Amino acid sequence: MIAETASQIALPGELESPRAKLVYLFLSMNGTVTINELQNGLDMKKISLYSVLKCLEKENLISKDGDSYALA
């Protein structure tokens, strides 16, 4: 079921990094999340997540509100 839902989500063309795609898909399926929820859900280190999130935010693909992130 998750694979079917994920396959229906259109990824922006500017996403080249597998990690960026993974974070984008996680946000698209889970809505607004914190860095801890991303870390636990994706089993990634926070340092890696912050780097990916910064790039996604720079591309205006996500927005940050306090400690939470969501698709823009």
N, C-alpha and C. Protein backbone atom coordinates (compact mmCIF):
# COMPACT_ATOMS: atom_id res chain seq x y z
N MET A 1 0.81 -1.19 0.00
CA MET A 1 0.00 0.00 0.00
C MET A 1 0.86 1.26 0.00
N ILE A 2 1.90 1.30 0.84
CA ILE A 2 2.77 2.48 0.86
C ILE A 2 3.48 2.62 -0.48
N ALA A 3 3.93 1.52 -1.06
CA ALA A 3 4.62 1.59 -2.35
C ALA A 3 3.70 2.15 -3.42
N GLU A 4 2.43 1.77 -3.38
CA GLU A 4 1.49 2.29 -4.35
C GLU A 4 1.30 3.79 -4.18
N THR A 5 1.18 4.26 -2.95
CA THR A 5 1.01 5.68 -2.68
C THR A 5 2.25 6.44 -3.08
N ALA A 6 3.43 5.94 -2.73
CA ALA A 6 4.68 6.61 -3.05
C ALA A 6 4.89 6.70 -4.56
N SER A 7 4.46 5.70 -5.29
CA SER A 7 4.66 5.72 -6.73
C SER A 7 3.77 6.75 -7.41
N GLN A 8 2.71 7.21 -6.74
CA GLN A 8 1.81 8.20 -7.31
C GLN A 8 2.25 9.62 -7.03
N ILE A 9 3.25 9.80 -6.17
CA ILE A 9 3.74 11.13 -5.82
C ILE A 9 4.75 11.57 -6.86
N ALA A 10 4.52 12.75 -7.42
CA ALA A 10 5.45 13.29 -8.42
C ALA A 10 6.59 14.01 -7.71
N LEU A 11 7.80 13.58 -7.99
CA LEU A 11 8.97 14.22 -7.43
C LEU A 11 9.39 15.40 -8.30
N PRO A 12 9.77 16.50 -7.69
CA PRO A 12 10.28 17.63 -8.49
C PRO A 12 11.51 17.22 -9.27
N GLY A 13 11.63 17.73 -10.47
CA GLY A 13 12.75 17.37 -11.34
C GLY A 13 14.10 17.76 -10.81
N GLU A 14 14.16 18.80 -9.96
CA GLU A 14 15.45 19.26 -9.45
C GLU A 14 16.01 18.37 -8.35
N LEU A 15 15.24 17.40 -7.89
CA LEU A 15 15.74 16.48 -6.87
C LEU A 15 16.59 15.40 -7.52
N GLU A 16 17.87 15.43 -7.23
CA GLU A 16 18.78 14.42 -7.79
C GLU A 16 19.29 13.48 -6.72
N SER A 17 19.45 13.98 -5.52
CA SER A 17 19.99 13.20 -4.41
C SER A 17 18.97 12.17 -3.92
N PRO A 18 19.41 10.92 -3.77
CA PRO A 18 18.49 9.91 -3.22
C PRO A 18 17.97 10.28 -1.83
N ARG A 19 18.81 10.89 -1.02
CA ARG A 19 18.39 11.32 0.32
C ARG A 19 17.34 12.42 0.24
N ALA A 20 17.53 13.36 -0.66
CA ALA A 20 16.56 14.44 -0.83
C ALA A 20 15.22 13.88 -1.29
N LYS A 21 15.26 12.93 -2.19
CA LYS A 21 14.03 12.28 -2.65
C LYS A 21 13.33 11.55 -1.51
N LEU A 22 14.11 10.87 -0.69
CA LEU A 22 13.56 10.13 0.44
C LEU A 22 12.89 11.07 1.44
N VAL A 23 13.56 12.17 1.77
CA VAL A 23 13.00 13.14 2.71
C VAL A 23 11.75 13.77 2.12
N TYR A 24 11.79 14.12 0.84
CA TYR A 24 10.63 14.72 0.17
C TYR A 24 9.43 13.76 0.21
N LEU A 25 9.66 12.50 -0.10
CA LEU A 25 8.58 11.51 -0.06
C LEU A 25 8.04 11.34 1.35
N PHE A 26 8.94 11.31 2.33
CA PHE A 26 8.50 11.18 3.72
C PHE A 26 7.60 12.35 4.11
N LEU A 27 8.01 13.56 3.75
CA LEU A 27 7.20 14.74 4.06
C LEU A 27 5.87 14.71 3.32
N SER A 28 5.88 14.27 2.08
CA SER A 28 4.64 14.24 1.31
C SER A 28 3.65 13.23 1.87
N MET A 29 4.15 12.18 2.50
CA MET A 29 3.27 11.15 3.05
C MET A 29 2.89 11.39 4.51
N ASN A 30 3.69 12.22 5.21
CA ASN A 30 3.46 12.39 6.65
C ASN A 30 3.07 13.81 7.04
N GLY A 31 3.08 14.74 6.11
CA GLY A 31 2.71 16.11 6.43
C GLY A 31 3.80 16.82 7.20
N THR A 32 3.41 17.62 8.17
CA THR A 32 4.36 18.39 8.97
C THR A 32 5.01 17.49 10.01
N VAL A 33 6.34 17.49 10.04
CA VAL A 33 7.09 16.64 10.96
C VAL A 33 8.27 17.41 11.56
N THR A 34 8.76 16.90 12.67
CA THR A 34 9.94 17.47 13.31
C THR A 34 11.18 16.71 12.83
N ILE A 35 12.34 17.26 13.17
CA ILE A 35 13.59 16.60 12.81
C ILE A 35 13.69 15.24 13.49
N ASN A 36 13.18 15.13 14.72
CA ASN A 36 13.20 13.83 15.42
C ASN A 36 12.32 12.80 14.73
N GLU A 37 11.18 13.23 14.23
CA GLU A 37 10.30 12.32 13.50
C GLU A 37 10.95 11.87 12.19
N LEU A 38 11.63 12.79 11.53
CA LEU A 38 12.37 12.42 10.31
C LEU A 38 13.48 11.43 10.65
N GLN A 39 14.21 11.72 11.70
CA GLN A 39 15.31 10.85 12.09
C GLN A 39 14.81 9.44 12.40
N ASN A 40 13.76 9.35 13.17
CA ASN A 40 13.22 8.04 13.54
C ASN A 40 12.57 7.33 12.36
N GLY A 41 11.85 8.07 11.54
CA GLY A 41 11.14 7.48 10.42
C GLY A 41 12.04 7.02 9.28
N LEU A 42 13.16 7.74 9.10
CA LEU A 42 14.05 7.43 7.99
C LEU A 42 15.35 6.75 8.42
N ASP A 43 15.56 6.67 9.72
CA ASP A 43 16.79 6.09 10.26
C ASP A 43 18.03 6.77 9.67
N MET A 44 17.99 8.10 9.69
CA MET A 44 19.11 8.91 9.20
C MET A 44 19.64 9.75 10.35
N LYS A 45 20.90 10.11 10.26
CA LYS A 45 21.51 10.98 11.27
C LYS A 45 21.02 12.41 11.08
N LYS A 46 20.89 13.12 12.19
CA LYS A 46 20.41 14.49 12.14
C LYS A 46 21.29 15.38 11.28
N ILE A 47 22.59 15.19 11.34
CA ILE A 47 23.51 16.02 10.56
C ILE A 47 23.23 15.88 9.07
N SER A 48 22.91 14.68 8.63
CA SER A 48 22.56 14.44 7.22
C SER A 48 21.21 15.07 6.89
N LEU A 49 20.27 14.93 7.81
CA LEU A 49 18.94 15.49 7.59
C LEU A 49 18.99 17.01 7.49
N TYR A 50 19.75 17.65 8.37
CA TYR A 50 19.84 19.11 8.32
C TYR A 50 20.39 19.58 6.98
N SER A 51 21.36 18.88 6.45
CA SER A 51 21.94 19.23 5.16
C SER A 51 20.91 19.11 4.04
N VAL A 52 20.18 18.00 4.04
CA VAL A 52 19.15 17.77 3.02
C VAL A 52 18.03 18.81 3.16
N LEU A 53 17.59 19.04 4.38
CA LEU A 53 16.51 19.99 4.61
C LEU A 53 16.90 21.40 4.17
N LYS A 54 18.13 21.77 4.42
CA LYS A 54 18.62 23.10 4.01
C LYS A 54 18.56 23.23 2.49
N CYS A 55 18.97 22.20 1.78
CA CYS A 55 18.92 22.22 0.31
C CYS A 55 17.48 22.28 -0.20
N LEU A 56 16.60 21.49 0.40
CA LEU A 56 15.20 21.50 -0.02
C LEU A 56 14.55 22.86 0.27
N GLU A 57 14.93 23.46 1.39
CA GLU A 57 14.38 24.77 1.73
C GLU A 57 14.91 25.84 0.77
N LYS A 58 16.17 25.72 0.39
CA LYS A 58 16.79 26.66 -0.55
C LYS A 58 16.10 26.60 -1.91
N GLU A 59 15.63 25.42 -2.29
CA GLU A 59 14.92 25.23 -3.56
C GLU A 59 13.43 25.56 -3.45
N ASN A 60 13.01 26.04 -2.26
CA ASN A 60 11.61 26.37 -1.99
C ASN A 60 10.67 25.17 -2.14
N LEU A 61 11.19 23.98 -1.83
CA LEU A 61 10.37 22.77 -1.90
C LEU A 61 9.74 22.44 -0.56
N ILE A 62 10.36 22.93 0.52
CA ILE A 62 9.80 22.72 1.85
C ILE A 62 9.80 24.05 2.60
N SER A 63 9.05 24.07 3.67
CA SER A 63 9.06 25.25 4.54
C SER A 63 9.32 24.79 5.97
N LYS A 64 9.90 25.69 6.74
CA LYS A 64 10.20 25.41 8.13
C LYS A 64 9.39 26.38 8.99
N ASP A 65 8.73 25.83 10.00
CA ASP A 65 7.96 26.64 10.94
C ASP A 65 8.37 26.21 12.34
N GLY A 66 9.25 26.96 12.94
CA GLY A 66 9.78 26.58 14.25
C GLY A 66 10.65 25.35 14.10
N ASP A 67 10.25 24.27 14.75
CA ASP A 67 10.99 23.01 14.67
C ASP A 67 10.38 22.01 13.70
N SER A 68 9.38 22.45 12.94
CA SER A 68 8.66 21.55 12.05
C SER A 68 8.94 21.86 10.59
N TYR A 69 8.89 20.82 9.78
CA TYR A 69 9.10 20.94 8.34
C TYR A 69 7.90 20.37 7.61
N ALA A 70 7.60 20.98 6.46
CA ALA A 70 6.48 20.52 5.62
C ALA A 70 6.77 20.90 4.18
N LEU A 71 6.08 20.26 3.26
CA LEU A 71 6.21 20.65 1.85
C LEU A 71 5.70 22.07 1.68
N ALA A 72 6.35 22.82 0.82
CA ALA A 72 5.95 24.20 0.56
C ALA A 72 4.74 24.25 -0.35
